[in-house]
């Protein structure tokens, strides 16, 4: 049997309050709607993602989905610029 812990009434030293940095529960359950598609990829690309997925203990399809989502989100920011502004940028280059 383990020995019992004896608590003392000694000062705790320097204590400080830590800000709550965890996301709210509703932020943890966010799930975007997915659309199933059929897509032909090169064998070497699929083999690459499968090997990487094994290393990181995840699904290769999830890795590809995250890559496409990342690409789309990065390029969607560019589209937010009005088309006449894009035309000005092109002509200035």
Protein backbone atom coordinates (compact mmCIF):
# COMPACT_ATOMS: atom_id res chain seq x y z
CA UNK A 1 0.00 0.00 0.00
CA UNK A 2 1.24 3.50 -0.86
CA UNK A 3 2.06 5.89 1.92
CA UNK A 4 -0.38 8.72 2.44
CA UNK A 5 0.52 12.23 1.34
CA UNK A 6 0.99 14.63 4.23
CA UNK A 7 -0.01 18.18 3.33
CA UNK A 8 1.67 21.09 5.03
CA UNK A 9 0.55 24.66 5.43
CA UNK A 10 3.64 26.18 3.77
CA UNK A 11 3.54 29.18 1.42
CA UNK A 12 3.10 28.29 -2.26
CA UNK A 13 5.62 30.79 -3.60
CA UNK A 14 4.89 32.94 -6.64
CA UNK A 15 1.48 32.19 -8.12
CA UNK A 16 0.00 33.78 -11.21
CA UNK A 17 -3.24 33.49 -13.13
CA UNK A 18 -2.89 32.02 -16.62
CA UNK A 19 -5.19 33.38 -19.34
CA UNK A 20 -7.61 30.87 -20.84
CA UNK A 21 -6.00 29.92 -24.14
CA UNK A 22 -8.09 26.88 -25.05
CA UNK A 23 -10.68 27.14 -27.83
CA UNK A 24 -14.36 27.00 -26.97
CA UNK A 25 -15.97 23.55 -27.37
CA UNK A 26 -18.02 24.72 -30.37
CA UNK A 27 -14.78 25.63 -32.14
CA UNK A 28 -13.51 22.08 -31.70
CA UNK A 29 -16.46 20.46 -33.48
CA UNK A 30 -16.28 22.63 -36.60
CA UNK A 31 -16.69 20.44 -39.63
CA UNK A 32 -16.90 21.75 -43.12
CA UNK A 33 -19.24 20.15 -45.64
CA UNK A 34 -17.36 17.86 -48.00
CA UNK A 35 -18.21 17.00 -51.57
CA UNK A 36 -17.18 13.62 -52.96
CA UNK A 37 -15.37 13.74 -56.28
CA UNK A 38 -13.53 11.29 -58.48
CA UNK A 39 -10.07 12.41 -59.46
CA UNK A 40 -7.20 10.75 -61.30
CA UNK A 41 -3.79 11.43 -59.74
CA UNK A 42 -0.39 10.20 -60.82
CA UNK A 43 0.76 6.99 -59.19
CA UNK A 44 3.89 8.70 -57.83
CA UNK A 45 1.83 11.42 -56.13
CA UNK A 46 -0.45 8.90 -54.44
CA UNK A 47 2.53 6.80 -53.33
CA UNK A 48 4.17 9.94 -51.88
CA UNK A 49 1.07 10.86 -49.87
CA UNK A 50 0.56 7.28 -48.67
CA UNK A 51 4.16 7.10 -47.43
CA UNK A 52 3.91 10.47 -45.68
CA UNK A 53 0.56 9.51 -44.15
CA UNK A 54 2.06 6.32 -42.70
CA UNK A 55 4.89 8.34 -41.13
CA UNK A 56 2.42 10.73 -39.50
CA UNK A 57 -0.27 8.13 -38.66
CA UNK A 58 -3.00 9.80 -40.69
CA UNK A 59 -5.02 9.25 -43.85
CA UNK A 60 -3.44 10.11 -47.19
CA UNK A 61 -6.83 11.32 -48.42
CA UNK A 62 -7.05 13.73 -45.49
CA UNK A 63 -3.57 15.06 -46.31
CA UNK A 64 -4.54 15.69 -49.93
CA UNK A 65 -7.81 17.34 -48.83
CA UNK A 66 -5.93 19.65 -46.44
CA UNK A 67 -3.45 20.54 -49.18
CA UNK A 68 -6.24 21.46 -51.60
CA UNK A 69 -8.07 23.42 -48.86
CA UNK A 70 -4.87 25.32 -48.02
CA UNK A 71 -4.24 26.14 -51.69
CA UNK A 72 -7.82 27.32 -52.19
CA UNK A 73 -7.81 29.50 -49.06
CA UNK A 74 -4.51 31.15 -50.02
CA UNK A 75 -5.69 31.96 -53.54
CA UNK A 76 -9.19 32.99 -52.46
CA UNK A 77 -7.59 35.93 -50.62
CA UNK A 78 -6.19 37.19 -53.91
CA UNK A 79 -9.64 37.08 -55.49
CA UNK A 80 -10.94 39.40 -52.78
CA UNK A 81 -9.18 42.25 -54.60
CA UNK A 82 -11.64 43.91 -57.03
CA UNK A 83 -11.07 43.00 -60.69
CA UNK A 84 -10.27 46.61 -61.73
CA UNK A 85 -7.55 46.70 -59.05
CA UNK A 86 -6.08 43.46 -60.42
CA UNK A 87 -6.07 44.94 -63.91
CA UNK A 88 -4.16 48.00 -62.63
CA UNK A 89 -1.61 45.74 -60.97
CA UNK A 90 -1.11 43.74 -64.18
CA UNK A 91 -0.63 46.83 -66.32
CA UNK A 92 1.85 48.28 -63.83
CA UNK A 93 4.00 45.14 -63.91
